[in-house]
PDB file of N, CA and C in Angstrom:
ATOM      1  N   MET A   1       1.042  -1.298  -0.167  1.00  0.00           N
ATOM      2  CA  MET A   1       0.069  -0.078   0.294  1.00  0.00           C
ATOM      3  C   MET A   1       0.809   1.091   0.101  1.00  0.00           C
ATOM      4  N   SER A   2       0.499   2.210  -0.650  1.00  0.00           N
ATOM      5  CA  SER A   2       1.357   3.284  -0.790  1.00  0.00           C
ATOM      6  C   SER A   2       0.324   4.227   0.132  1.00  0.00           C
ATOM      7  N   SER A   3       1.533   5.173   0.666  1.00  0.00           N
ATOM      8  CA  SER A   3       1.023   6.206   1.372  1.00  0.00           C
ATOM      9  C   SER A   3       0.315   7.409   0.682  1.00  0.00           C
ATOM     10  N   ASP A   4       0.368   7.473  -0.842  1.00  0.00           N
ATOM     11  CA  ASP A   4      -0.022   8.243  -1.366  1.00  0.00           C
ATOM     12  C   ASP A   4      -1.834   8.359  -1.259  1.00  0.00           C
ATOM     13  N   ASN A   5      -2.042   7.118  -0.897  1.00  0.00           N
ATOM     14  CA  ASN A   5      -3.634   6.768  -1.052  1.00  0.00           C
ATOM     15  C   ASN A   5      -4.092   7.242   0.315  1.00  0.00           C
ATOM     16  N   ILE A   6      -3.467   7.643   1.372  1.00  0.00           N
ATOM     17  CA  ILE A   6      -4.029   7.921   2.896  1.00  0.00           C
ATOM     18  C   ILE A   6      -4.326   9.270   2.669  1.00  0.00           C
ATOM     19  N   VAL A   7      -5.514   9.425   3.061  1.00  0.00           N
ATOM     20  CA  VAL A   7      -6.200  10.635   3.556  1.00  0.00           C
ATOM     21  C   VAL A   7      -6.439  11.338   4.717  1.00  0.00           C
ATOM     22  N   LEU A   8      -5.488  12.754   4.857  1.00  0.00           N
ATOM     23  CA  LEU A   8      -6.233  13.094   6.594  1.00  0.00           C
ATOM     24  C   LEU A   8      -7.605  13.649   6.472  1.00  0.00           C
ATOM     25  N   ILE A   9      -8.141  13.122   7.691  1.00  0.00           N
ATOM     26  CA  ILE A   9      -9.716  13.939   7.564  1.00  0.00           C
ATOM     27  C   ILE A   9      -9.663  15.159   8.318  1.00  0.00           C
ATOM     28  N   GLU A  10     -10.100  16.209   8.082  1.00  0.00           N
ATOM     29  CA  GLU A  10     -10.435  17.304   8.845  1.00  0.00           C
ATOM     30  C   GLU A  10     -11.370  17.824   8.866  1.00  0.00           C
ATOM     31  N   ILE A  11     -12.011  18.059  10.343  1.00  0.00           N
ATOM     32  CA  ILE A  11     -13.228  18.256  10.592  1.00  0.00           C
ATOM     33  C   ILE A  11     -13.545  19.683  11.358  1.00  0.00           C
ATOM     34  N   ALA A  12     -14.093  20.615  10.638  1.00  0.00           N
ATOM     35  CA  ALA A  12     -14.234  21.981  11.459  1.00  0.00           C
ATOM     36  C   ALA A  12     -12.744  22.416  12.217  1.00  0.00           C
ATOM     37  N   GLY A  13     -11.734  22.382  10.835  1.00  0.00           N
ATOM     38  CA  GLY A  13     -10.707  22.925  11.416  1.00  0.00           C
ATOM     39  C   GLY A  13      -9.568  21.641  12.404  1.00  0.00           C
ATOM     40  N   GLU A  14     -10.321  20.647  12.749  1.00  0.00           N
ATOM     41  CA  GLU A  14      -9.532  19.741  13.855  1.00  0.00           C
ATOM     42  C   GLU A  14      -9.206  18.278  12.857  1.00  0.00           C
ATOM     43  N   ASP A  15      -7.984  17.922  13.195  1.00  0.00           N
ATOM     44  CA  ASP A  15      -7.551  17.096  12.537  1.00  0.00           C
ATOM     45  C   ASP A  15      -8.012  15.748  12.834  1.00  0.00           C
ATOM     46  N   ALA A  16      -9.217  15.332  12.629  1.00  0.00           N
ATOM     47  CA  ALA A  16      -9.947  14.058  12.868  1.00  0.00           C
ATOM     48  C   ALA A  16      -9.106  12.649  12.534  1.00  0.00           C
ATOM     49  N   GLY A  17      -8.408  12.592  11.723  1.00  0.00           N
ATOM     50  CA  GLY A  17      -7.637  11.176  11.823  1.00  0.00           C
ATOM     51  C   GLY A  17      -7.395  11.072  10.287  1.00  0.00           C
ATOM     52  N   LEU A  18      -6.779   9.567   9.859  1.00  0.00           N
ATOM     53  CA  LEU A  18      -6.783   9.102   8.523  1.00  0.00           C
ATOM     54  C   LEU A  18      -7.500   8.194   8.173  1.00  0.00           C
ATOM     55  N   ALA A  19      -7.721   8.126   6.830  1.00  0.00           N
ATOM     56  CA  ALA A  19      -8.547   7.088   6.001  1.00  0.00           C
ATOM     57  C   ALA A  19      -7.656   6.703   5.018  1.00  0.00           C
ATOM     58  N   VAL A  20      -7.628   5.200   5.642  1.00  0.00           N
ATOM     59  CA  VAL A  20      -6.736   4.087   5.040  1.00  0.00           C
ATOM     60  C   VAL A  20      -7.160   3.336   3.780  1.00  0.00           C
ATOM     61  N   PRO A  21      -7.385   3.409   2.870  1.00  0.00           N
ATOM     62  CA  PRO A  21      -7.629   2.531   1.682  1.00  0.00           C
ATOM     63  C   PRO A  21      -7.200   0.942   1.805  1.00  0.00           C
ATOM     64  N   ASP A  22      -8.464   0.041   2.089  1.00  0.00           N
ATOM     65  CA  ASP A  22      -8.027  -1.363   1.899  1.00  0.00           C
ATOM     66  C   ASP A  22      -8.835  -1.979   1.027  1.00  0.00           C
ATOM     67  N   THR A  23      -9.092  -3.470   0.528  1.00  0.00           N
ATOM     68  CA  THR A  23      -9.672  -3.798  -0.217  1.00  0.00           C
ATOM     69  C   THR A  23     -11.368  -3.669  -0.338  1.00  0.00           C
ATOM     70  N   GLN A  24     -11.769  -3.013   0.807  1.00  0.00           N
ATOM     71  CA  GLN A  24     -12.996  -3.421   1.189  1.00  0.00           C
ATOM     72  C   GLN A  24     -13.862  -1.874   1.242  1.00  0.00           C
ATOM     73  N   GLY A  25     -12.753  -0.705   1.131  1.00  0.00           N
ATOM     74  CA  GLY A  25     -13.426   0.358   1.448  1.00  0.00           C
ATOM     75  C   GLY A  25     -12.379   1.230   1.809  1.00  0.00           C
ATOM     76  N   VAL A  26     -12.631   1.997   3.179  1.00  0.00           N
ATOM     77  CA  VAL A  26     -11.661   2.966   3.434  1.00  0.00           C
ATOM     78  C   VAL A  26     -11.815   2.498   5.232  1.00  0.00           C
ATOM     79  N   ARG A  27     -10.655   2.514   5.982  1.00  0.00           N
ATOM     80  CA  ARG A  27     -10.684   2.260   7.443  1.00  0.00           C
ATOM     81  C   ARG A  27     -10.396   3.872   8.281  1.00  0.00           C
ATOM     82  N   PHE A  28     -11.086   3.909   9.072  1.00  0.00           N
ATOM     83  CA  PHE A  28     -10.611   5.313   9.826  1.00  0.00           C
ATOM     84  C   PHE A  28      -9.895   4.792  10.864  1.00  0.00           C
ATOM     85  N   TYR A  29      -8.819   5.424  11.073  1.00  0.00           N
ATOM     86  CA  TYR A  29      -7.780   5.750  12.424  1.00  0.00           C
ATOM     87  C   TYR A  29      -7.829   7.282  13.080  1.00  0.00           C
ATOM     88  N   SER A  30      -8.259   7.285  14.144  1.00  0.00           N
ATOM     89  CA  SER A  30      -8.680   8.446  14.817  1.00  0.00           C
ATOM     90  C   SER A  30      -7.395   9.142  15.294  1.00  0.00           C
ATOM     91  N   GLY A  31      -7.121  10.333  15.113  1.00  0.00           N
ATOM     92  CA  GLY A  31      -5.826  11.183  15.348  1.00  0.00           C
ATOM     93  C   GLY A  31      -6.658  11.994  16.581  1.00  0.00           C
ATOM     94  N   SER A  32      -7.398  11.945  17.189  1.00  0.00           N
ATOM     95  CA  SER A  32      -8.182  13.062  18.155  1.00  0.00           C
ATOM     96  C   SER A  32      -9.026  11.926  19.094  1.00  0.00           C
ATOM     97  N   ALA A  33      -8.918  12.164  20.286  1.00  0.00           N
ATOM     98  CA  ALA A  33      -9.447  11.606  21.540  1.00  0.00           C
ATOM     99  C   ALA A  33     -11.036  11.897  21.171  1.00  0.00           C
ATOM    100  N   ARG A  34     -11.545  12.933  20.683  1.00  0.00           N
ATOM    101  CA  ARG A  34     -12.906  13.383  19.985  1.00  0.00           C
ATOM    102  C   ARG A  34     -13.102  12.148  19.149  1.00  0.00           C
ATOM    103  N   PHE A  35     -12.283  11.889  18.414  1.00  0.00           N
ATOM    104  CA  PHE A  35     -13.179  10.599  17.328  1.00  0.00           C
ATOM    105  C   PHE A  35     -12.639   9.069  17.562  1.00  0.00           C
ATOM    106  N   HIS A  36     -12.373   9.112  18.775  1.00  0.00           N
ATOM    107  CA  HIS A  36     -12.054   7.895  18.985  1.00  0.00           C
ATOM    108  C   HIS A  36     -13.131   6.404  19.063  1.00  0.00           C
ATOM    109  N   ALA A  37     -14.109   7.014  19.029  1.00  0.00           N
ATOM    110  CA  ALA A  37     -15.626   6.119  18.636  1.00  0.00           C
ATOM    111  C   ALA A  37     -15.621   5.398  17.488  1.00  0.00           C
ATOM    112  N   LEU A  38     -14.974   6.321  16.693  1.00  0.00           N
ATOM    113  CA  LEU A  38     -15.089   5.991  15.232  1.00  0.00           C
ATOM    114  C   LEU A  38     -13.917   5.339  14.823  1.00  0.00           C
ATOM    115  N   ASP A  39     -12.797   5.128  15.709  1.00  0.00           N
ATOM    116  CA  ASP A  39     -11.458   4.457  15.351  1.00  0.00           C
ATOM    117  C   ASP A  39     -11.497   3.023  14.931  1.00  0.00           C
ATOM    118  N   GLY A  40     -10.985   2.576  13.878  1.00  0.00           N
ATOM    119  CA  GLY A  40     -11.070   1.108  13.563  1.00  0.00           C
ATOM    120  C   GLY A  40     -12.112   0.867  12.580  1.00  0.00           C
ATOM    121  N   ARG A  41     -13.209   1.752  12.519  1.00  0.00           N
ATOM    122  CA  ARG A  41     -14.238   1.363  11.752  1.00  0.00           C
ATOM    123  C   ARG A  41     -14.172   1.488  10.013  1.00  0.00           C
ATOM    124  N   ARG A  42     -14.600   0.643   9.300  1.00  0.00           N
ATOM    125  CA  ARG A  42     -14.606   0.540   8.012  1.00  0.00           C
ATOM    126  C   ARG A  42     -15.536   1.548   7.123  1.00  0.00           C
ATOM    127  N   PHE A  43     -15.554   1.986   6.242  1.00  0.00           N
ATOM    128  CA  PHE A  43     -16.268   2.679   5.583  1.00  0.00           C
ATOM    129  C   PHE A  43     -16.313   2.373   3.868  1.00  0.00           C
ATOM    130  N   ALA A  44     -17.373   2.133   3.179  1.00  0.00           N
ATOM    131  CA  ALA A  44     -17.244   1.496   1.704  1.00  0.00           C
ATOM    132  C   ALA A  44     -16.806   2.805   1.076  1.00  0.00           C
ATOM    133  N   ARG A  45     -17.196   4.191   1.523  1.00  0.00           N
ATOM    134  CA  ARG A  45     -16.373   5.234   0.385  1.00  0.00           C
ATOM    135  C   ARG A  45     -15.809   6.148   1.446  1.00  0.00           C
ATOM    136  N   LEU A  46     -15.096   7.015   0.947  1.00  0.00           N
ATOM    137  CA  LEU A  46     -14.490   8.120   1.562  1.00  0.00           C
ATOM    138  C   LEU A  46     -15.500   9.077   2.333  1.00  0.00           C
ATOM    139  N   SER A  47     -16.699   9.594   1.151  1.00  0.00           N
ATOM    140  CA  SER A  47     -17.422  10.069   1.613  1.00  0.00           C
ATOM    141  C   SER A  47     -18.685   9.607   2.743  1.00  0.00           C
ATOM    142  N   GLU A  48     -18.582   8.577   2.714  1.00  0.00           N
ATOM    143  CA  GLU A  48     -19.214   8.247   3.884  1.00  0.00           C
ATOM    144  C   GLU A  48     -18.528   8.278   5.458  1.00  0.00           C
ATOM    145  N   LEU A  49     -17.412   8.165   5.591  1.00  0.00           N
ATOM    146  CA  LEU A  49     -16.668   8.350   6.572  1.00  0.00           C
ATOM    147  C   LEU A  49     -16.345   9.968   6.681  1.00  0.00           C
ATOM    148  N   LYS A  50     -16.464  10.578   5.921  1.00  0.00           N
ATOM    149  CA  LYS A  50     -16.445  12.340   6.159  1.00  0.00           C
ATOM    150  C   LYS A  50     -17.965  12.523   6.804  1.00  0.00           C
ATOM    151  N   ARG A  51     -18.940  12.035   6.282  1.00  0.00           N
ATOM    152  CA  ARG A  51     -20.189  12.636   6.350  1.00  0.00           C
ATOM    153  C   ARG A  51     -20.277  12.008   8.101  1.00  0.00           C
ATOM    154  N   ALA A  52     -19.800  10.702   8.360  1.00  0.00           N
ATOM    155  CA  ALA A  52     -19.845  10.062   9.869  1.00  0.00           C
ATOM    156  C   ALA A  52     -19.122  10.939  10.811  1.00  0.00           C
ATOM    157  N   ALA A  53     -17.827  11.486  10.200  1.00  0.00           N
ATOM    158  CA  ALA A  53     -17.125  12.117  11.174  1.00  0.00           C
ATOM    159  C   ALA A  53     -17.658  13.426  11.849  1.00  0.00           C
ATOM    160  N   ALA A  54     -18.267  13.970  10.326  1.00  0.00           N
ATOM    161  CA  ALA A  54     -18.568  15.336  10.755  1.00  0.00           C
ATOM    162  C   ALA A  54     -20.002  15.233  11.666  1.00  0.00           C
ATOM    163  N   GLU A  55     -20.933  14.340  11.361  1.00  0.00           N
ATOM    164  CA  GLU A  55     -22.159  14.144  12.226  1.00  0.00           C
ATOM    165  C   GLU A  55     -21.274  13.666  13.931  1.00  0.00           C
ATOM    166  N   HIS A  56     -20.471  12.880  13.751  1.00  0.00           N
ATOM    167  CA  HIS A  56     -20.189  12.723  15.395  1.00  0.00           C
ATOM    168  C   HIS A  56     -19.326  13.835  16.157  1.00  0.00           C
ATOM    169  N   ALA A  57     -18.899  14.574  15.267  1.00  0.00           N
ATOM    170  CA  ALA A  57     -17.968  15.872  15.845  1.00  0.00           C
ATOM    171  C   ALA A  57     -19.281  16.801  16.270  1.00  0.00           C
ATOM    172  N   ALA A  58     -20.697  16.736  15.661  1.00  0.00           N
ATOM    173  CA  ALA A  58     -21.806  17.761  16.107  1.00  0.00           C
ATOM    174  C   ALA A  58     -22.132  17.199  17.209  1.00  0.00           C
ATOM    175  N   THR A  59     -21.916  15.794  17.614  1.00  0.00           N
ATOM    176  CA  THR A  59     -22.672  15.418  18.888  1.00  0.00           C
ATOM    177  C   THR A  59     -21.934  15.369  20.209  1.00  0.00           C
ATOM    178  N   VAL A  60     -20.438  15.144  19.918  1.00  0.00           N
ATOM    179  CA  VAL A  60     -19.548  15.318  21.228  1.00  0.00           C
ATOM    180  C   VAL A  60     -18.613  16.507  21.030  1.00  0.00           C
ATOM    181  N   ASN A  61     -18.527  17.164  22.435  1.00  0.00           N
ATOM    182  CA  ASN A  61     -17.911  18.497  22.086  1.00  0.00           C
ATOM    183  C   ASN A  61     -16.695  18.214  23.759  1.00  0.00           C
ATOM    184  N   PHE A  62     -15.470  17.796  23.389  1.00  0.00           N
ATOM    185  CA  PHE A  62     -14.804  17.846  24.608  1.00  0.00           C
ATOM    186  C   PHE A  62     -14.337  19.409  25.289  1.00  0.00           C
ATOM    187  N   GLY A  63     -14.383  20.564  24.509  1.00  0.00           N
ATOM    188  CA  GLY A  63     -14.276  21.753  25.074  1.00  0.00           C
ATOM    189  C   GLY A  63     -12.668  21.817  24.963  1.00  0.00           C
ATOM    190  N   LEU A  64     -11.952  20.889  24.246  1.00  0.00           N
ATOM    191  CA  LEU A  64     -10.655  21.101  24.420  1.00  0.00           C
ATOM    192  C   LEU A  64      -9.939  22.186  23.564  1.00  0.00           C
ATOM    193  N   LYS A  65     -10.673  22.989  22.498  1.00  0.00           N
ATOM    194  CA  LYS A  65     -10.149  23.519  21.440  1.00  0.00           C
ATOM    195  C   LYS A  65      -9.613  25.039  22.362  1.00  0.00           C
ATOM    196  N   GLY A  66     -10.262  25.278  23.532  1.00  0.00           N
ATOM    197  CA  GLY A  66      -9.587  26.452  24.116  1.00  0.00           C
ATOM    198  C   GLY A  66      -8.363  26.252  24.805  1.00  0.00           C
ATOM    199  N   LEU A  67      -8.043  25.144  24.889  1.00  0.00           N
ATOM    200  CA  LEU A  67      -6.786  24.595  25.575  1.00  0.00           C
ATOM    201  C   LEU A  67      -5.627  24.715  24.435  1.00  0.00           C
ATOM    202  N   ARG A  68      -6.123  24.965  23.192  1.00  0.00           N
ATOM    203  CA  ARG A  68      -4.419  25.193  22.148  1.00  0.00           C
ATOM    204  C   ARG A  68      -3.567  26.160  22.652  1.00  0.00           C
ATOM    205  N   GLY A  69      -2.701  25.542  22.421  1.00  0.00           N
ATOM    206  CA  GLY A  69      -1.411  26.780  22.898  1.00  0.00           C
ATOM    207  C   GLY A  69      -0.875  26.777  24.367  1.00  0.00           C
ATOM    208  N   LEU A  70      -1.653  25.947  25.088  1.00  0.00           N
ATOM    209  CA  LEU A  70      -1.127  26.199  26.536  1.00  0.00           C
ATOM    210  C   LEU A  70       0.096  25.194  26.386  1.00  0.00           C
ATOM    211  N   GLN A  71       1.200  25.398  27.473  1.00  0.00           N
ATOM    212  CA  GLN A  71       2.330  24.787  27.355  1.00  0.00           C
ATOM    213  C   GLN A  71       2.101  23.452  28.558  1.00  0.00           C
ATOM    214  N   ARG A  72       2.605  22.582  28.336  1.00  0.00           N
ATOM    215  CA  ARG A  72       2.583  21.326  29.583  1.00  0.00           C
ATOM    216  C   ARG A  72       3.474  21.481  30.921  1.00  0.00           C
ATOM    217  N   ALA A  73       3.093  21.457  31.834  1.00  0.00           N
ATOM    218  CA  ALA A  73       3.822  21.755  32.919  1.00  0.00           C
ATOM    219  C   ALA A  73       5.003  20.707  32.874  1.00  0.00           C
ATOM    220  N   SER A  74       6.197  21.221  33.609  1.00  0.00           N
ATOM    221  CA  SER A  74       7.193  20.383  33.464  1.00  0.00           C
ATOM    222  C   SER A  74       7.351  19.553  34.927  1.00  0.00           C
TER     223      SER A  74
END
């Protein structure tokens, strides 16, 4: 498999995860805790994955966006 076929899924400015094609469609690998519920799911088409991720994002809000830019304590 070539990395040229892997697609980064971004929802509302947030990196949701990666869509990796396989023989039965595309499999989703979450890159954010907000999208872990979809991790490992297979979708027949990329458009179905994007729709599911957008719908999921609309129902789950961790409120973490406001924490961007903060530094980790040493």
